[in-house]
Amino acid sequence: MSMPTTDHATAPPRATGSARAQEILAIGARLFEQNGFAATTVQDIGDAAGVLPGSLYHHFESKDAIAVALIAEFDADVTAVARASLGTDTSGFGAAQARAHLLALCRDLTTVIRRHAAAVRLRAYQAPLVAGPALQAAVRAESPILTRSWTDALAAVLRQPGISHERPGLLRFAFHRSTLAAATAYPRHLSSDAIADQLCDILLDGILSDSPSAVELNTSTAARRAERFIAGWRRNDAKDLDPKARLLLAAKGEFARHGYEASTIRGIADAAGITMGTLYRRAESKEAILREILERYSGDLDSAVRGVLSDVTSVAESLDALARLYVHASRRFAAEASIVKLGSDADQRSDSPFSDYLAQTEDRLVLLENVFAMGLREGSIRPISTASIVALHFRQVIWLPYQEHGRTGERRAHSFIREDVLGGAQPSSPVAFTTQQHVP
């Protein structure tokens, strides 16, 4: 998911105007967040605002214009946070000051990202094919100033005496992507400051109280189970796909690029190189196609996760093996992971094609929570927060698409999680974040 370019002269201006225009923006944001951009119409926004479409067009010329204005406001707020962080001279900072500076950046960005959840969702996929050039450009934009602010803040922490960290680029990537996920991946009752504090604690100080050796982790029963499931997934990758499999592959690509709501049956047929008639002989609807994709995906993932997390004798070994499994899964199931990366209230409905997958996801999360609960009881997990909250953070971090950071390989990504997320940067005189006051 890209972030905005807002330090260029060509960046869209921040939305201004009447109180009525701001009200329409707020309503548009709520509907886009709840239902998605493609499923929301100008009539929907007008009805919610209590105005006729003609009156709405007095403030915004189209639904695209509303989306562009929302992204512009997000851009402005993100840029303000990044510039304020970069404006601080960190050259003379000690360990406590450097970590406080990084935490302030993480807190401020998390607050902005959660406040602009609709804009984050708008940037999650490519703009619909029918979108105008302004929205296409807004969705594609990048944010070099935000990258610089993360790099600068992390450099101040990592140059302190006693800090050992061999993968600063991956650490920055993990901070950036995990903070961005705060818009959708965490329960509403968890405050932005709590999310930021706990992420900083986990990513800098690690999760485990004590880390086993690499030899122990590599030869554990859980590691062997993970490798068997990975090998099984590889064997199932047929070179010659049957017609139904080719259809599902094309649909996965469309859903991953545009999101489910914005994808069309016509687009899927074109991507598969088949006629509409042929498509309907193989699948009755777009919803049925998605259900089959998610059923296969969740089934593969569910059996592997349950296999790795069954008969836990070592919390550290189980978490490390799960990380290995997910690092591979994030590549093998990259399209599926993109399709389900957001979720909404509407997806929870029993008639939604996402509902069964989301229910199974929650079941898998419970298994992970149980492992963290065991670790907290025995002291192998640091008391960062409750088992349920730390499990959410860990799942988020191990699901990140590390391959998107400079083509990072599976071994390097797994080593980052093993040594830096589970093990921590291991400062000689740690200055821990205070997170307990945020535990719900």
Protein backbone atom coordinates (compact mmCIF):
# COMPACT_ATOMS: atom_id res chain seq x y z
CA MET A 1 0.00 0.00 0.00
CA SER A 2 1.49 3.33 -0.98
CA MET A 3 1.56 6.46 1.09
CA PRO A 4 1.08 9.98 -0.27
CA THR A 5 3.57 12.29 -1.84
CA THR A 6 2.84 15.55 -0.12
CA ASP A 7 6.13 17.43 -0.21
CA HIS A 8 5.90 18.14 -3.95
CA ALA A 9 4.51 21.35 -5.38
CA THR A 10 2.03 19.36 -7.46
CA ALA A 11 0.42 17.70 -4.44
CA PRO A 12 -3.34 18.30 -4.24
CA PRO A 13 -4.35 21.15 -1.94
CA ARG A 14 -5.95 20.38 1.38
CA ALA A 15 -9.74 20.43 1.20
CA THR A 16 -11.23 23.69 2.40
CA GLY A 17 -14.61 25.30 2.08
CA SER A 18 -17.92 25.62 3.82
CA ALA A 19 -19.07 23.71 6.85
CA ARG A 20 -21.50 21.92 4.54
CA ALA A 21 -18.64 20.75 2.32
CA GLN A 22 -16.78 19.43 5.35
CA GLU A 23 -19.93 17.62 6.47
CA ILE A 24 -20.22 15.97 3.07
CA LEU A 25 -16.58 14.94 3.26
CA ALA A 26 -17.13 13.38 6.68
CA ILE A 27 -20.17 11.48 5.43
CA GLY A 28 -18.32 10.33 2.33
CA ALA A 29 -15.45 9.13 4.50
CA ARG A 30 -17.81 7.16 6.73
CA LEU A 31 -19.54 5.49 3.78
CA PHE A 32 -16.28 4.73 1.95
CA GLU A 33 -14.91 3.16 5.13
CA GLN A 34 -18.04 1.11 5.81
CA ASN A 35 -18.94 0.00 2.29
CA GLY A 36 -15.96 0.72 0.07
CA PHE A 37 -15.55 3.36 -2.62
CA ALA A 38 -16.98 1.29 -5.46
CA ALA A 39 -20.12 0.31 -3.53
CA THR A 40 -20.87 3.91 -2.47
CA THR A 41 -22.79 6.15 -4.87
CA VAL A 42 -23.28 9.89 -5.01
CA GLN A 43 -26.94 9.19 -4.19
CA ASP A 44 -25.85 7.34 -1.04
CA ILE A 45 -23.76 10.31 0.08
CA GLY A 46 -26.53 12.77 -0.76
CA ASP A 47 -29.14 10.74 1.11
CA ALA A 48 -26.92 10.49 4.19
CA ALA A 49 -26.22 14.22 4.04
CA GLY A 50 -29.89 15.06 3.50
CA VAL A 51 -29.26 16.86 0.20
CA LEU A 52 -30.22 16.26 -3.40
CA PRO A 53 -27.44 15.25 -5.77
CA GLY A 54 -27.70 18.64 -7.43
CA SER A 55 -26.92 20.38 -4.16
CA LEU A 56 -24.05 17.99 -3.48
CA TYR A 57 -22.55 18.80 -6.88
CA HIS A 58 -22.44 22.43 -5.78
CA HIS A 59 -19.64 21.42 -3.39
CA PHE A 60 -18.02 18.47 -5.21
CA GLU A 61 -18.24 17.76 -8.90
CA SER A 62 -18.14 13.98 -8.48
CA LYS A 63 -17.59 11.07 -6.10
CA ASP A 64 -13.98 11.06 -7.30
CA ALA A 65 -13.60 14.66 -6.11
CA ILE A 66 -14.75 13.69 -2.63
CA ALA A 67 -12.20 10.86 -2.55
CA VAL A 68 -9.41 13.14 -3.79
CA ALA A 69 -10.27 15.72 -1.12
CA LEU A 70 -10.17 13.06 1.60
CA ILE A 71 -6.77 11.86 0.40
CA ALA A 72 -5.53 15.47 0.24
CA GLU A 73 -6.49 16.04 3.87
CA PHE A 74 -4.73 12.83 4.84
CA ASP A 75 -1.64 13.91 2.88
CA ALA A 76 -1.54 17.25 4.63
CA ASP A 77 -1.78 15.75 8.11
CA VAL A 78 0.83 13.05 7.41
CA THR A 79 3.21 15.62 5.96
CA ALA A 80 2.77 17.92 8.95
CA VAL A 81 3.73 15.09 11.32
CA ALA A 82 6.71 14.04 9.18
CA ARG A 83 8.02 17.61 8.85
CA ALA A 84 7.70 18.26 12.57
CA SER A 85 9.69 15.10 13.29
CA LEU A 86 12.38 15.96 10.73
CA GLY A 87 12.56 19.48 12.19
CA THR A 88 13.93 18.10 15.45
CA ASP A 89 17.72 17.92 15.71
CA THR A 90 18.42 14.43 17.08
CA SER A 91 22.21 14.52 16.74
CA GLY A 92 22.81 15.00 20.45
CA PHE A 93 20.06 12.70 21.72
CA GLY A 94 20.78 10.05 24.29
CA ALA A 95 18.93 6.73 24.44
CA ALA A 96 15.90 8.01 26.34
CA GLN A 97 15.48 11.10 24.15
CA ALA A 98 15.89 9.12 20.92
CA ARG A 99 13.27 6.56 21.92
CA ALA A 100 10.89 9.27 23.10
CA HIS A 101 11.29 11.02 19.73
CA LEU A 102 10.55 7.80 17.83
CA LEU A 103 7.56 7.09 20.05
CA ALA A 104 6.17 10.58 19.45
CA LEU A 105 6.40 10.05 15.68
CA CYS A 106 4.73 6.64 15.97
CA ARG A 107 1.95 8.02 18.17
CA ASP A 108 1.28 11.03 15.95
CA LEU A 109 1.21 8.97 12.76
CA THR A 110 -1.00 6.31 14.31
CA THR A 111 -3.47 9.00 15.38
CA VAL A 112 -3.54 10.53 11.90
CA ILE A 113 -3.85 7.17 10.16
CA ARG A 114 -6.77 6.08 12.33
CA ARG A 115 -8.49 9.44 11.86
CA HIS A 116 -8.16 9.09 8.08
CA ALA A 117 -9.10 5.41 7.78
CA ALA A 118 -11.19 6.13 4.68
CA ALA A 119 -8.21 7.63 2.87
CA VAL A 120 -6.05 4.65 3.88
CA ARG A 121 -8.69 2.35 2.38
CA LEU A 122 -8.84 4.40 -0.80
CA ARG A 123 -5.10 3.83 -1.23
CA ALA A 124 -5.25 0.13 -0.43
CA TYR A 125 -5.96 -0.88 -4.05
CA GLN A 126 -5.54 0.53 -7.50
CA ALA A 127 -8.16 3.10 -8.36
CA PRO A 128 -11.16 1.70 -10.26
CA LEU A 129 -10.75 1.69 -14.03
CA VAL A 130 -13.54 4.25 -14.32
CA ALA A 131 -11.78 6.67 -11.95
CA GLY A 132 -10.63 9.98 -13.37
CA PRO A 133 -6.97 11.03 -13.66
CA ALA A 134 -7.02 13.05 -10.41
CA LEU A 135 -8.08 10.07 -8.33
CA GLN A 136 -5.76 7.74 -10.21
CA ALA A 137 -2.84 10.04 -9.39
CA ALA A 138 -3.87 10.50 -5.75
CA VAL A 139 -4.09 6.76 -5.16
CA ARG A 140 -0.70 6.07 -6.78
CA ALA A 141 1.24 8.78 -4.90
CA GLU A 142 4.23 7.98 -2.69
CA SER A 143 5.67 9.73 0.38
CA PRO A 144 9.43 10.28 0.43
CA ILE A 145 9.15 12.74 3.33
CA LEU A 146 7.47 10.11 5.49
CA THR A 147 10.22 7.62 4.67
CA ARG A 148 12.82 10.22 5.67
CA SER A 149 11.10 10.87 8.99
CA TRP A 150 11.07 7.15 9.88
CA THR A 151 14.69 6.76 8.79
CA ASP A 152 15.82 9.78 10.81
CA ALA A 153 13.93 8.81 13.98
CA LEU A 154 15.12 5.20 13.88
CA ALA A 155 18.72 6.22 13.16
CA ALA A 156 18.75 8.25 16.40
CA VAL A 157 17.72 5.12 18.34
CA LEU A 158 19.97 2.64 16.57
CA ARG A 159 23.17 4.66 16.92
CA GLN A 160 22.99 4.51 20.73
CA PRO A 161 25.70 2.48 22.52
CA GLY A 162 24.81 -1.17 23.05
CA ILE A 163 22.13 -1.36 20.35
CA SER A 164 22.59 -4.25 17.95
CA HIS A 165 20.49 -4.20 14.80
CA GLU A 166 21.64 -5.55 11.44
CA ARG A 167 18.49 -4.83 9.41
CA PRO A 168 17.50 -1.17 9.90
CA GLY A 169 15.73 -1.09 6.54
CA LEU A 170 13.42 -3.95 7.50
CA LEU A 171 12.82 -2.33 10.89
CA ARG A 172 11.75 0.90 9.17
CA PHE A 173 9.53 -1.12 6.82
CA ALA A 174 7.91 -2.89 9.78
CA PHE A 175 7.26 0.39 11.60
CA HIS A 176 5.85 2.02 8.47
CA ARG A 177 3.54 -0.82 7.43
CA SER A 178 2.43 -1.76 10.93
CA THR A 179 1.54 1.83 11.76
CA LEU A 180 -0.38 2.12 8.51
CA ALA A 181 -2.36 -0.99 9.46
CA ALA A 182 -3.59 0.79 12.59
CA ALA A 183 -6.47 2.10 10.46
CA THR A 184 -7.99 -1.35 10.05
CA ALA A 185 -6.21 -4.08 12.02
CA TYR A 186 -6.98 -3.13 15.61
CA PRO A 187 -10.16 -2.92 17.71
CA ARG A 188 -11.69 0.51 18.08
CA HIS A 189 -11.46 0.45 21.88
CA LEU A 190 -7.64 0.29 21.74
CA SER A 191 -6.30 3.84 21.73
CA SER A 192 -3.87 5.12 19.10
CA ASP A 193 -1.26 5.82 21.80
CA ALA A 194 -1.56 2.25 23.10
CA ILE A 195 -1.07 0.81 19.61
CA ALA A 196 1.98 3.01 19.03
CA ASP A 197 3.52 2.31 22.44
CA GLN A 198 3.13 -1.44 22.10
CA LEU A 199 4.45 -1.52 18.53
CA CYS A 200 7.53 0.44 19.57
CA ASP A 201 8.07 -1.87 22.53
CA ILE A 202 7.75 -5.02 20.39
CA LEU A 203 9.78 -3.83 17.41
CA LEU A 204 12.63 -2.43 19.50
CA ASP A 205 12.77 -4.63 22.60
CA GLY A 206 11.29 -7.87 21.25
CA ILE A 207 8.61 -10.19 22.56
CA LEU A 208 10.56 -12.96 24.29
CA SER A 209 12.18 -12.69 27.70
CA ASP A 210 14.96 -14.99 26.51
CA SER A 211 15.71 -16.29 23.02
CA PRO A 212 16.70 -19.89 22.26
CA SER A 213 19.63 -20.50 19.94
CA ALA A 214 19.18 -20.69 16.18
CA VAL A 215 20.07 -24.39 16.29
CA GLU A 216 17.31 -25.08 18.81
CA LEU A 217 14.76 -23.15 16.76
CA ASN A 218 15.79 -24.71 13.44
CA THR A 219 15.54 -28.26 14.74
CA SER A 220 12.39 -27.92 16.84
CA THR A 221 9.32 -30.06 16.27
CA ALA A 222 7.32 -26.92 15.40
CA ALA A 223 9.91 -25.87 12.78
CA ARG A 224 9.79 -29.32 11.16
CA ARG A 225 6.00 -29.13 11.02
CA ALA A 226 6.14 -25.69 9.37
CA GLU A 227 8.58 -26.93 6.73
CA ARG A 228 6.36 -29.94 5.96
CA PHE A 229 3.36 -27.69 5.32
CA ILE A 230 5.44 -25.36 3.16
CA ALA A 231 6.70 -28.31 1.14
CA GLY A 232 3.13 -29.54 0.73
CA TRP A 233 1.99 -26.16 -0.57
CA ARG A 234 4.82 -26.20 -3.10
CA ARG A 235 3.89 -29.68 -4.33
CA ASN A 236 0.31 -28.51 -4.87
CA ASP A 237 1.40 -25.80 -7.29
CA ALA A 238 0.45 -27.42 -10.62
CA LYS A 239 2.22 -26.16 -13.71
CA ASP A 240 -0.74 -26.78 -16.02
CA LEU A 241 -3.86 -25.23 -14.63
CA ASP A 242 -7.27 -26.57 -15.53
CA PRO A 243 -9.87 -24.05 -16.88
CA LYS A 244 -11.48 -23.51 -13.46
CA ALA A 245 -8.12 -22.93 -11.81
CA ARG A 246 -7.19 -20.40 -14.52
CA LEU A 247 -10.46 -18.56 -13.86
CA LEU A 248 -9.78 -18.44 -10.12
CA LEU A 249 -6.22 -17.24 -10.77
CA ALA A 250 -7.48 -14.41 -12.97
CA ALA A 251 -10.12 -13.48 -10.40
CA LYS A 252 -7.53 -13.42 -7.62
CA GLY A 253 -5.46 -10.98 -9.64
CA GLU A 254 -8.43 -8.69 -10.25
CA PHE A 255 -9.58 -8.77 -6.61
CA ALA A 256 -6.02 -8.15 -5.37
CA ARG A 257 -5.50 -5.15 -7.65
CA HIS A 258 -8.86 -3.42 -7.38
CA GLY A 259 -10.52 -4.93 -4.31
CA TYR A 260 -13.55 -7.19 -4.42
CA GLU A 261 -16.18 -4.46 -4.66
CA ALA A 262 -14.48 -2.61 -7.52
CA SER A 263 -13.80 -5.76 -9.56
CA THR A 264 -16.31 -6.81 -12.20
CA ILE A 265 -17.30 -10.07 -13.80
CA ARG A 266 -16.39 -8.55 -17.17
CA GLY A 267 -12.91 -7.69 -15.89
CA ILE A 268 -12.43 -11.22 -14.56
CA ALA A 269 -13.51 -12.76 -17.86
CA ASP A 270 -11.16 -10.48 -19.79
CA ALA A 271 -8.27 -11.27 -17.45
CA ALA A 272 -8.95 -15.00 -17.86
CA GLY A 273 -9.21 -14.65 -21.65
CA ILE A 274 -12.68 -16.20 -21.78
CA THR A 275 -16.14 -15.08 -22.77
CA MET A 276 -18.84 -14.15 -20.28
CA GLY A 277 -20.78 -17.26 -21.29
CA THR A 278 -17.80 -19.49 -20.56
CA LEU A 279 -17.28 -17.79 -17.20
CA TYR A 280 -20.88 -18.37 -16.12
CA ARG A 281 -20.61 -22.05 -17.04
CA ARG A 282 -17.77 -22.33 -14.51
CA ALA A 283 -18.99 -19.98 -11.78
CA GLU A 284 -22.43 -18.63 -11.01
CA SER A 285 -21.36 -15.19 -9.72
CA LYS A 286 -18.54 -12.95 -8.57
CA GLU A 287 -19.51 -13.77 -4.99
CA ALA A 288 -19.26 -17.51 -5.64
CA ILE A 289 -15.81 -17.04 -7.16
CA LEU A 290 -14.58 -15.15 -4.11
CA ARG A 291 -16.06 -17.71 -1.72
CA GLU A 292 -14.20 -20.51 -3.49
CA ILE A 293 -10.93 -18.57 -3.48
CA LEU A 294 -11.19 -17.82 0.23
CA GLU A 295 -12.33 -21.33 1.09
CA ARG A 296 -9.24 -22.84 -0.54
CA TYR A 297 -6.94 -20.22 0.95
CA SER A 298 -8.30 -20.40 4.47
CA GLY A 299 -8.35 -24.18 4.39
CA ASP A 300 -4.66 -24.36 3.47
CA LEU A 301 -3.71 -21.77 6.05
CA ASP A 302 -5.91 -23.20 8.79
CA SER A 303 -4.48 -26.71 8.63
CA ALA A 304 -0.92 -25.34 8.69
CA VAL A 305 -1.47 -22.96 11.60
CA ARG A 306 -3.23 -25.62 13.65
CA GLY A 307 -0.46 -28.07 12.85
CA VAL A 308 2.26 -25.68 13.98
CA LEU A 309 0.45 -24.51 17.12
CA SER A 310 -0.69 -27.95 18.26
CA ASP A 311 1.03 -29.56 21.26
CA VAL A 312 2.98 -26.43 22.20
CA THR A 313 5.94 -27.40 24.40
CA SER A 314 7.98 -24.24 23.76
CA VAL A 315 6.37 -20.85 23.22
CA ALA A 316 9.48 -19.47 21.53
CA GLU A 317 9.76 -22.43 19.14
CA SER A 318 6.07 -22.25 18.22
CA LEU A 319 6.14 -18.50 17.53
CA ASP A 320 9.33 -18.81 15.47
CA ALA A 321 7.84 -21.65 13.41
CA LEU A 322 4.64 -19.68 12.86
CA ALA A 323 6.72 -16.74 11.66
CA ARG A 324 8.50 -19.03 9.19
CA LEU A 325 5.15 -20.32 7.96
CA TYR A 326 3.69 -16.83 7.52
CA VAL A 327 6.76 -15.40 5.81
CA HIS A 328 6.32 -18.07 3.15
CA ALA A 329 2.53 -17.72 3.11
CA SER A 330 2.72 -13.96 2.54
CA ARG A 331 4.45 -14.72 -0.76
CA ARG A 332 2.57 -17.81 -1.84
CA PHE A 333 -0.80 -16.28 -0.95
CA ALA A 334 0.08 -12.69 -1.80
CA ALA A 335 -3.08 -12.16 -3.87
CA GLU A 336 -5.37 -13.67 -1.24
CA ALA A 337 -3.71 -11.62 1.51
CA SER A 338 -4.30 -8.46 -0.53
CA ILE A 339 -7.96 -9.34 -1.08
CA VAL A 340 -8.67 -9.65 2.65
CA LYS A 341 -6.26 -7.01 3.99
CA LEU A 342 -8.91 -4.47 4.97
CA GLY A 343 -12.23 -5.91 6.04
CA SER A 344 -15.25 -3.85 7.08
CA ASP A 345 -18.38 -4.08 9.17
CA ALA A 346 -20.29 -5.21 6.08
CA ASP A 347 -17.90 -8.15 5.62
CA GLN A 348 -19.03 -9.57 8.97
CA ARG A 349 -22.60 -10.14 7.76
CA SER A 350 -23.54 -13.78 7.32
CA ASP A 351 -24.41 -13.19 3.65
CA SER A 352 -20.99 -11.69 2.88
CA PRO A 353 -18.51 -13.84 0.91
CA PHE A 354 -15.91 -12.79 3.50
CA SER A 355 -17.85 -13.97 6.56
CA ASP A 356 -16.63 -17.58 6.73
CA TYR A 357 -13.03 -16.54 6.17
CA LEU A 358 -13.22 -13.89 8.89
CA ALA A 359 -14.71 -16.37 11.35
CA GLN A 360 -11.86 -18.81 10.66
CA THR A 361 -9.35 -15.98 11.04
CA GLU A 362 -10.72 -15.26 14.50
CA ASP A 363 -10.43 -18.94 15.40
CA ARG A 364 -6.77 -18.94 14.36
CA LEU A 365 -6.19 -15.79 16.38
CA VAL A 366 -7.59 -17.51 19.47
CA LEU A 367 -5.01 -20.29 19.02
CA LEU A 368 -2.27 -17.67 18.89
CA GLU A 369 -3.68 -15.87 21.92
CA ASN A 370 -3.50 -19.15 23.85
CA VAL A 371 0.20 -19.45 23.04
CA PHE A 372 0.83 -15.90 24.25
CA ALA A 373 -1.22 -16.55 27.39
CA MET A 374 0.99 -19.56 28.11
CA GLY A 375 4.10 -17.45 27.55
CA LEU A 376 2.88 -14.71 29.89
CA ARG A 377 2.09 -17.26 32.59
CA GLU A 378 5.48 -18.93 32.41
CA GLY A 379 7.42 -15.69 31.91
CA SER A 380 8.83 -16.50 28.44
CA ILE A 381 6.86 -13.53 26.98
CA ARG A 382 7.60 -10.01 28.16
CA PRO A 383 4.56 -8.34 29.84
CA ILE A 384 3.90 -5.87 27.04
CA SER A 385 0.11 -6.10 27.14
CA THR A 386 -2.59 -8.76 27.34
CA ALA A 387 -2.19 -11.99 25.37
CA SER A 388 -4.96 -10.96 22.95
CA ILE A 389 -3.35 -7.60 22.14
CA VAL A 390 0.20 -8.90 21.74
CA ALA A 391 -1.14 -11.68 19.52
CA LEU A 392 -2.74 -9.03 17.28
CA HIS A 393 0.56 -7.15 17.00
CA PHE A 394 2.55 -10.30 16.30
CA ARG A 395 0.13 -11.52 13.65
CA GLN A 396 0.30 -8.11 11.98
CA VAL A 397 4.12 -8.07 11.95
CA ILE A 398 4.60 -11.62 10.66
CA TRP A 399 2.03 -11.07 7.86
CA LEU A 400 3.83 -8.03 6.43
CA PRO A 401 4.90 -8.45 2.78
CA TYR A 402 8.64 -8.17 3.45
CA GLN A 403 9.36 -9.14 -0.14
CA GLU A 404 8.19 -5.65 -1.12
CA HIS A 405 11.19 -4.17 0.71
CA GLY A 406 14.04 -4.43 -1.75
CA ARG A 407 13.04 -7.97 -2.76
CA THR A 408 13.81 -9.29 0.70
CA GLY A 409 14.10 -13.08 0.65
CA GLU A 410 12.30 -15.47 2.96
CA ARG A 411 15.40 -16.31 4.98
CA ARG A 412 16.20 -12.65 5.66
CA ALA A 413 12.59 -11.84 6.56
CA HIS A 414 12.41 -14.80 8.93
CA SER A 415 15.72 -13.83 10.52
CA PHE A 416 14.40 -10.32 11.12
CA ILE A 417 11.34 -11.66 12.92
CA ARG A 418 13.34 -14.26 14.85
CA GLU A 419 16.21 -12.03 15.94
CA ASP A 420 14.65 -8.57 16.11
CA VAL A 421 10.92 -8.98 16.69
CA LEU A 422 11.04 -12.05 18.93
CA GLY A 423 14.55 -11.40 20.27
CA GLY A 424 14.72 -7.60 20.24
CA ALA A 425 17.56 -5.19 19.51
CA GLN A 426 19.10 -6.07 22.91
CA PRO A 427 20.42 -2.72 24.17
CA SER A 428 23.00 -2.93 26.95
CA SER A 429 20.97 -0.52 29.08
CA PRO A 430 17.40 -0.79 27.84
CA VAL A 431 15.03 2.12 28.19
CA ALA A 432 11.69 0.32 28.00
CA PHE A 433 8.52 1.95 26.79
CA THR A 434 5.81 2.36 29.41
CA THR A 435 2.81 0.56 27.98
CA GLN A 436 0.97 -0.97 30.88
CA GLN A 437 -1.25 2.03 31.49
CA HIS A 438 -2.78 1.48 28.06
CA VAL A 439 -3.76 -2.16 28.58
CA PRO A 440 -7.54 -2.33 28.21
